[in-house]
Amino acid sequence: MKIGNCSMSDFNEIVKDIVDFWGSDRTLHLHQPFLIYEFGNTAFVIKENGQVIAYLFGFFSQTDNLAYIHLLGVREKNQRQGLGLLLYENFINIAKSKGYTKIKAITTASNAKSISFHKNRIGMTLPGEPNEEGLNIVKGYSGLNNDRVVFEKRID
């Protein structure tokens, strides 16, 4: 599979088909054009027959030596084919080539699919303190009363 940079046309397709990637439109508000305009060199897609089937939007931190993965989406019919892992590996290789030594991502405590993927496929750790279910979370990470599961991994 070939990985390319995400164009605005690709971005518009992703937003239009958001339910195909996420099962709902719950992440639509996280998809913003600045991710292409300002961070297009770290916004990637995989296409099949001209259609976006997977994407990763990331960027490099301005406050720490880390590369941040903001969104990773794979069309539901294309999941479990290794596309998310392929996009992560691509992003990690670019981050390493620029001297970054850590990757980071976040999700909600209710997103079991994301938690499993990041822990088991990417090998990321979860800093923070255990919640009632024993899952490590960082309290207030996304603002007041908005706890998140934070994933980190050294890549050097």
Protein backbone atom coordinates (compact mmCIF):
# COMPACT_ATOMS: atom_id res chain seq x y z
CA MET A 1 0.00 0.00 0.00
CA LYS A 2 1.25 3.44 -0.92
CA ILE A 3 1.15 6.23 1.66
CA GLY A 4 0.76 9.78 0.39
CA ASN A 5 0.19 13.21 1.85
CA CYS A 6 -3.40 14.19 2.51
CA SER A 7 -4.80 16.82 0.14
CA MET A 8 -7.76 19.07 0.88
CA SER A 9 -9.78 16.91 -1.51
CA ASP A 10 -8.83 13.84 0.55
CA PHE A 11 -9.68 15.72 3.76
CA ASN A 12 -13.10 16.68 2.39
CA GLU A 13 -13.75 13.03 1.47
CA ILE A 14 -12.78 11.92 4.99
CA VAL A 15 -15.11 14.48 6.59
CA LYS A 16 -17.96 13.60 4.21
CA ASP A 17 -17.52 9.88 4.99
CA ILE A 18 -16.68 10.26 8.69
CA VAL A 19 -19.21 7.60 9.74
CA ASP A 20 -17.47 5.04 7.47
CA PHE A 21 -14.26 5.58 9.47
CA TRP A 22 -15.57 5.99 13.02
CA GLY A 23 -19.00 4.35 13.08
CA SER A 24 -20.48 7.74 14.01
CA ASP A 25 -19.67 11.43 13.67
CA ARG A 26 -18.37 11.70 17.26
CA THR A 27 -14.88 12.83 16.10
CA LEU A 28 -16.02 15.21 13.37
CA HIS A 29 -15.21 18.27 15.52
CA LEU A 30 -11.57 17.08 15.77
CA HIS A 31 -11.15 17.16 11.98
CA GLN A 32 -10.10 20.69 11.10
CA PRO A 33 -8.63 22.03 7.81
CA PHE A 34 -5.61 23.49 9.64
CA LEU A 35 -4.37 19.91 9.96
CA ILE A 36 -3.82 19.99 6.19
CA TYR A 37 -3.03 23.69 5.70
CA GLU A 38 -0.51 23.97 8.55
CA PHE A 39 0.58 20.36 9.14
CA GLY A 40 0.12 18.81 5.70
CA ASN A 41 3.62 17.35 5.74
CA THR A 42 2.51 15.05 8.59
CA ALA A 43 -1.01 14.28 7.31
CA PHE A 44 -1.10 10.97 5.44
CA VAL A 45 -3.58 8.84 3.54
CA ILE A 46 -3.73 5.39 2.04
CA LYS A 47 -5.99 5.09 -0.98
CA GLU A 48 -7.53 2.17 -2.82
CA ASN A 49 -9.02 2.76 -6.26
CA GLY A 50 -8.82 6.51 -5.67
CA GLN A 51 -10.72 6.37 -2.38
CA VAL A 52 -9.17 7.21 1.00
CA ILE A 53 -9.31 4.06 3.10
CA ALA A 54 -7.05 5.14 5.99
CA TYR A 55 -5.48 8.32 7.31
CA LEU A 56 -3.25 9.69 10.03
CA PHE A 57 -3.02 13.34 11.07
CA GLY A 58 -0.07 14.18 13.28
CA PHE A 59 2.31 16.98 14.08
CA PHE A 60 5.49 17.71 15.95
CA SER A 61 5.31 19.26 19.41
CA GLN A 62 6.62 22.76 19.93
CA THR A 63 7.10 22.19 23.68
CA ASP A 64 8.62 18.71 23.93
CA ASN A 65 10.73 16.35 21.83
CA LEU A 66 7.76 14.32 20.68
CA ALA A 67 5.62 13.59 17.66
CA TYR A 68 1.88 13.66 18.34
CA ILE A 69 -0.71 11.56 16.55
CA HIS A 70 -3.95 13.54 16.55
CA LEU A 71 -6.20 11.25 14.51
CA LEU A 72 -5.95 7.82 12.96
CA GLY A 73 -8.88 6.54 10.97
CA VAL A 74 -9.47 3.42 8.89
CA ARG A 75 -12.72 2.73 7.06
CA GLU A 76 -14.56 0.06 9.01
CA LYS A 77 -14.53 -2.36 6.06
CA ASN A 78 -10.72 -1.99 5.84
CA GLN A 79 -9.93 -2.41 9.54
CA ARG A 80 -7.78 -5.29 10.78
CA GLN A 81 -5.63 -5.20 7.63
CA GLY A 82 -2.61 -3.50 9.22
CA LEU A 83 -3.27 -0.07 7.68
CA GLY A 84 -3.21 1.78 11.00
CA LEU A 85 0.08 0.14 11.90
CA LEU A 86 1.50 1.00 8.48
CA LEU A 87 0.56 4.67 8.93
CA TYR A 88 2.06 4.71 12.43
CA GLU A 89 5.32 3.17 11.19
CA ASN A 90 5.52 5.79 8.44
CA PHE A 91 4.93 8.63 10.91
CA ILE A 92 7.46 7.20 13.38
CA ASN A 93 10.12 6.92 10.66
CA ILE A 94 9.62 10.55 9.69
CA ALA A 95 9.70 11.63 13.34
CA LYS A 96 12.94 9.70 13.94
CA SER A 97 14.52 11.23 10.84
CA LYS A 98 13.84 14.67 12.34
CA GLY A 99 15.33 13.72 15.71
CA TYR A 100 12.16 13.14 17.72
CA THR A 101 12.49 10.54 20.44
CA LYS A 102 8.92 9.94 21.60
CA ILE A 103 5.42 9.57 20.16
CA LYS A 104 2.20 10.41 21.94
CA ALA A 105 -1.54 10.01 21.35
CA ILE A 106 -4.71 10.22 23.45
CA THR A 107 -8.21 8.77 23.55
CA THR A 108 -11.19 8.54 25.86
CA ALA A 109 -11.42 5.82 28.49
CA SER A 110 -14.46 4.39 26.68
CA ASN A 111 -12.61 3.80 23.38
CA ALA A 112 -11.61 0.17 23.94
CA LYS A 113 -10.66 -0.37 20.28
CA SER A 114 -8.16 2.51 20.36
CA ILE A 115 -6.75 1.47 23.73
CA SER A 116 -6.19 -2.08 22.52
CA PHE A 117 -4.59 -0.91 19.27
CA HIS A 118 -2.17 1.50 20.95
CA LYS A 119 -1.15 -0.92 23.70
CA ASN A 120 -1.03 -4.17 21.74
CA ARG A 121 -0.14 -3.16 18.17
CA ILE A 122 1.98 -0.03 18.75
CA GLY A 123 3.40 -1.02 22.15
CA MET A 124 2.63 2.26 23.85
CA THR A 125 2.50 2.75 27.62
CA LEU A 126 -0.19 4.56 29.59
CA PRO A 127 1.04 7.10 32.13
CA GLY A 128 -1.37 8.38 34.75
CA GLU A 129 -3.34 6.92 37.60
CA PRO A 130 -5.83 4.02 37.52
CA ASN A 131 -9.50 4.97 37.30
CA GLU A 132 -12.36 2.94 38.83
CA GLU A 133 -11.90 0.24 36.15
CA GLY A 134 -8.12 0.09 36.69
CA LEU A 135 -7.31 1.88 33.41
CA ASN A 136 -4.58 4.51 33.65
CA ILE A 137 -5.90 7.98 32.86
CA VAL A 138 -4.55 11.50 33.11
CA LYS A 139 -7.11 13.59 34.96
CA GLY A 140 -8.03 16.85 33.29
CA TYR A 141 -5.80 16.20 30.26
CA SER A 142 -8.40 17.64 27.89
CA GLY A 143 -9.60 20.35 30.27
CA LEU A 144 -11.59 20.51 33.47
CA ASN A 145 -13.32 17.17 34.12
CA ASN A 146 -12.11 15.79 30.76
CA ASP A 147 -9.82 12.90 31.62
CA ARG A 148 -7.99 11.05 28.85
CA VAL A 149 -6.04 7.90 28.27
CA VAL A 150 -2.58 9.08 27.21
CA PHE A 151 -0.27 6.85 25.20
CA GLU A 152 3.49 7.31 24.99
CA LYS A 153 6.37 5.42 23.44
CA ARG A 154 10.08 6.10 23.05
CA ILE A 155 11.15 5.77 19.41
CA ASP A 156 14.91 6.44 19.57
